[in-house]
C-alpha cells in the first residue's frame, strides 16, 4: 500500500468511526474481504496481494523429521 493510499484509508475510516454508547475509543464496523488477490475494507480496495500457490491437496501429507 502506498503512503498516499494509507492516508486516504485512515481519513475515510476516521469519518466513518463512531463513539460507542458507553464511551471509549471511536470504532468502525466494516467487512474485510480478500477476493482475487485484492484486500478490501468495505468496498475500498487497499492492496493487491501476491498469488498463493497451495500444495496439491490430493497428494498424501508428509511430516517433516
N, C-alpha and C. Protein backbone atom coordinates (compact mmCIF):
# COMPACT_ATOMS: atom_id res chain seq x y z
N UNK A 1 0.85 -1.16 0.00
CA UNK A 1 0.00 0.00 0.00
C UNK A 1 0.90 1.23 0.00
N UNK A 2 0.56 2.16 -0.82
CA UNK A 2 1.35 3.39 -0.88
C UNK A 2 1.02 4.28 0.33
N UNK A 3 1.93 5.16 0.70
CA UNK A 3 1.64 6.08 1.81
C UNK A 3 0.38 6.92 1.54
N UNK A 4 0.19 7.32 0.30
CA UNK A 4 -0.99 8.11 -0.05
C UNK A 4 -2.27 7.30 0.16
N UNK A 5 -2.27 6.04 -0.25
CA UNK A 5 -3.44 5.18 -0.06
C UNK A 5 -3.70 4.95 1.42
N UNK A 6 -2.65 4.79 2.21
CA UNK A 6 -2.81 4.59 3.65
C UNK A 6 -3.43 5.83 4.30
N UNK A 7 -2.99 7.02 3.90
CA UNK A 7 -3.57 8.26 4.44
C UNK A 7 -5.04 8.38 4.05
N UNK A 8 -5.37 8.03 2.82
CA UNK A 8 -6.76 8.11 2.37
C UNK A 8 -7.63 7.12 3.14
N UNK A 9 -7.15 5.89 3.33
CA UNK A 9 -7.91 4.90 4.09
C UNK A 9 -8.11 5.35 5.53
N UNK A 10 -7.07 5.90 6.15
CA UNK A 10 -7.19 6.38 7.53
C UNK A 10 -8.20 7.52 7.62
N UNK A 11 -8.21 8.41 6.63
CA UNK A 11 -9.16 9.52 6.63
C UNK A 11 -10.60 9.02 6.51
N UNK A 12 -10.83 8.08 5.60
CA UNK A 12 -12.18 7.54 5.41
C UNK A 12 -12.63 6.80 6.66
N UNK A 13 -11.76 5.97 7.23
CA UNK A 13 -12.14 5.25 8.44
C UNK A 13 -12.41 6.21 9.59
N UNK A 14 -11.65 7.29 9.66
CA UNK A 14 -11.88 8.30 10.70
C UNK A 14 -13.25 8.95 10.56
N UNK A 15 -13.69 9.18 9.33
CA UNK A 15 -15.00 9.77 9.09
C UNK A 15 -16.14 8.80 9.42
N UNK A 16 -15.89 7.50 9.25
CA UNK A 16 -16.92 6.50 9.49
C UNK A 16 -17.01 6.07 10.96
N UNK A 17 -15.97 6.33 11.73
CA UNK A 17 -15.91 5.86 13.11
C UNK A 17 -16.92 6.61 13.99
N UNK A 18 -17.46 5.89 14.93
CA UNK A 18 -18.38 6.48 15.90
C UNK A 18 -17.97 6.07 17.30
N UNK A 19 -18.35 6.88 18.30
CA UNK A 19 -18.03 6.58 19.69
C UNK A 19 -19.10 5.64 20.24
N UNK A 20 -18.72 4.54 20.87
CA UNK A 20 -19.69 3.62 21.45
C UNK A 20 -20.56 4.31 22.50
N UNK A 21 -21.79 3.82 22.71
CA UNK A 21 -22.72 4.43 23.66
C UNK A 21 -22.14 4.54 25.06
N UNK A 22 -21.41 3.55 25.50
CA UNK A 22 -20.84 3.55 26.84
C UNK A 22 -19.55 4.35 26.94
N UNK A 23 -19.15 4.99 25.84
CA UNK A 23 -17.90 5.73 25.82
C UNK A 23 -16.77 4.87 25.29
N UNK A 24 -15.61 5.41 25.27
CA UNK A 24 -14.44 4.67 24.79
C UNK A 24 -13.93 5.23 23.48
N UNK A 25 -13.00 4.51 22.92
CA UNK A 25 -12.37 4.94 21.67
C UNK A 25 -13.35 4.81 20.50
N UNK A 26 -13.25 5.71 19.52
CA UNK A 26 -14.09 5.57 18.32
C UNK A 26 -13.84 4.22 17.64
N UNK A 27 -14.89 3.65 17.07
CA UNK A 27 -14.78 2.34 16.42
C UNK A 27 -15.59 2.36 15.13
N UNK A 28 -15.22 1.48 14.24
CA UNK A 28 -15.95 1.33 12.97
C UNK A 28 -16.09 -0.17 12.71
N UNK A 29 -17.25 -0.56 12.18
CA UNK A 29 -17.52 -1.96 11.90
C UNK A 29 -17.69 -2.11 10.39
N UNK A 30 -16.65 -2.63 9.74
CA UNK A 30 -16.66 -2.80 8.28
C UNK A 30 -16.18 -4.20 7.93
N UNK A 31 -16.72 -4.76 6.85
CA UNK A 31 -16.23 -6.08 6.42
C UNK A 31 -14.85 -5.97 5.78
N UNK A 32 -14.01 -6.94 6.07
CA UNK A 32 -12.70 -7.06 5.44
C UNK A 32 -12.77 -8.29 4.54
N UNK A 33 -12.46 -8.12 3.26
CA UNK A 33 -12.55 -9.24 2.33
C UNK A 33 -11.25 -9.37 1.53
N UNK A 34 -11.00 -10.58 1.09
CA UNK A 34 -9.89 -10.88 0.20
C UNK A 34 -10.47 -11.69 -0.95
N UNK A 35 -10.50 -11.08 -2.14
CA UNK A 35 -11.05 -11.74 -3.31
C UNK A 35 -10.21 -11.39 -4.52
N UNK A 36 -9.84 -12.42 -5.26
CA UNK A 36 -9.00 -12.24 -6.46
C UNK A 36 -7.75 -11.43 -6.14
N UNK A 37 -7.12 -11.78 -5.00
CA UNK A 37 -5.86 -11.19 -4.54
C UNK A 37 -5.98 -9.73 -4.13
N UNK A 38 -7.20 -9.19 -4.01
CA UNK A 38 -7.39 -7.80 -3.60
C UNK A 38 -7.96 -7.75 -2.19
N UNK A 39 -7.24 -7.07 -1.29
CA UNK A 39 -7.70 -6.87 0.08
C UNK A 39 -8.54 -5.61 0.11
N UNK A 40 -9.77 -5.72 0.64
CA UNK A 40 -10.69 -4.59 0.70
C UNK A 40 -11.24 -4.39 2.10
N UNK A 41 -11.48 -3.15 2.45
CA UNK A 41 -12.26 -2.81 3.64
C UNK A 41 -13.52 -2.17 3.10
N UNK A 42 -14.66 -2.82 3.34
CA UNK A 42 -15.89 -2.37 2.70
C UNK A 42 -15.70 -2.53 1.20
N UNK A 43 -15.95 -1.48 0.46
CA UNK A 43 -15.76 -1.54 -0.99
C UNK A 43 -14.47 -0.87 -1.43
N UNK A 44 -13.62 -0.48 -0.48
CA UNK A 44 -12.38 0.23 -0.78
C UNK A 44 -11.23 -0.76 -0.95
N UNK A 45 -10.66 -0.86 -2.16
CA UNK A 45 -9.51 -1.75 -2.33
C UNK A 45 -8.27 -1.15 -1.65
N UNK A 46 -7.60 -1.96 -0.83
CA UNK A 46 -6.42 -1.48 -0.10
C UNK A 46 -5.11 -1.94 -0.70
N UNK A 47 -5.06 -3.20 -1.11
CA UNK A 47 -3.78 -3.73 -1.58
C UNK A 47 -4.02 -4.93 -2.50
N UNK A 48 -3.13 -5.08 -3.46
CA UNK A 48 -3.12 -6.27 -4.32
C UNK A 48 -2.05 -7.19 -3.75
N UNK A 49 -2.42 -8.40 -3.42
CA UNK A 49 -1.51 -9.35 -2.78
C UNK A 49 -0.95 -10.34 -3.78
N UNK A 50 0.22 -10.90 -3.47
CA UNK A 50 0.79 -11.90 -4.38
C UNK A 50 -0.05 -13.18 -4.38
N UNK A 51 0.03 -13.90 -5.47
CA UNK A 51 -0.71 -15.16 -5.58
C UNK A 51 -0.11 -16.20 -4.65
N UNK A 52 -0.99 -16.94 -3.95
CA UNK A 52 -0.55 -18.05 -3.10
C UNK A 52 -0.78 -19.35 -3.85
N UNK A 53 0.23 -20.18 -3.90
CA UNK A 53 0.10 -21.48 -4.55
C UNK A 53 0.15 -22.53 -3.47
N UNK A 54 -0.99 -23.20 -3.26
CA UNK A 54 -1.09 -24.23 -2.22
C UNK A 54 -0.57 -25.55 -2.77
N UNK A 55 0.00 -26.37 -1.89
CA UNK A 55 0.42 -27.70 -2.34
C UNK A 55 -0.79 -28.51 -2.81
N UNK A 56 -0.53 -29.49 -3.62
CA UNK A 56 -1.60 -30.33 -4.15
C UNK A 56 -2.34 -31.01 -3.01
N UNK A 57 -3.61 -30.67 -2.84
CA UNK A 57 -4.41 -31.22 -1.74
C UNK A 57 -4.66 -32.71 -1.90
N UNK A 58 -4.57 -33.22 -3.13
CA UNK A 58 -4.83 -34.64 -3.38
C UNK A 58 -3.62 -35.50 -3.00
N UNK A 59 -2.45 -34.89 -2.91
CA UNK A 59 -1.25 -35.67 -2.57
C UNK A 59 -1.25 -36.00 -1.09
N UNK A 60 -0.71 -37.15 -0.71
CA UNK A 60 -0.67 -37.51 0.72
C UNK A 60 0.25 -36.54 1.48
N UNK A 61 -0.17 -36.25 2.70
CA UNK A 61 0.61 -35.34 3.54
C UNK A 61 1.83 -36.09 4.10
N UNK A 62 2.91 -35.37 4.26
CA UNK A 62 4.11 -35.94 4.88
C UNK A 62 4.53 -35.03 6.03
N UNK A 63 5.13 -35.63 7.02
CA UNK A 63 5.61 -34.90 8.18
C UNK A 63 7.12 -34.70 8.07
N UNK A 64 7.57 -33.48 8.42
CA UNK A 64 9.00 -33.22 8.43
C UNK A 64 9.62 -33.92 9.62
N UNK A 65 10.84 -34.44 9.44
CA UNK A 65 11.50 -35.12 10.54
C UNK A 65 12.46 -34.20 11.23
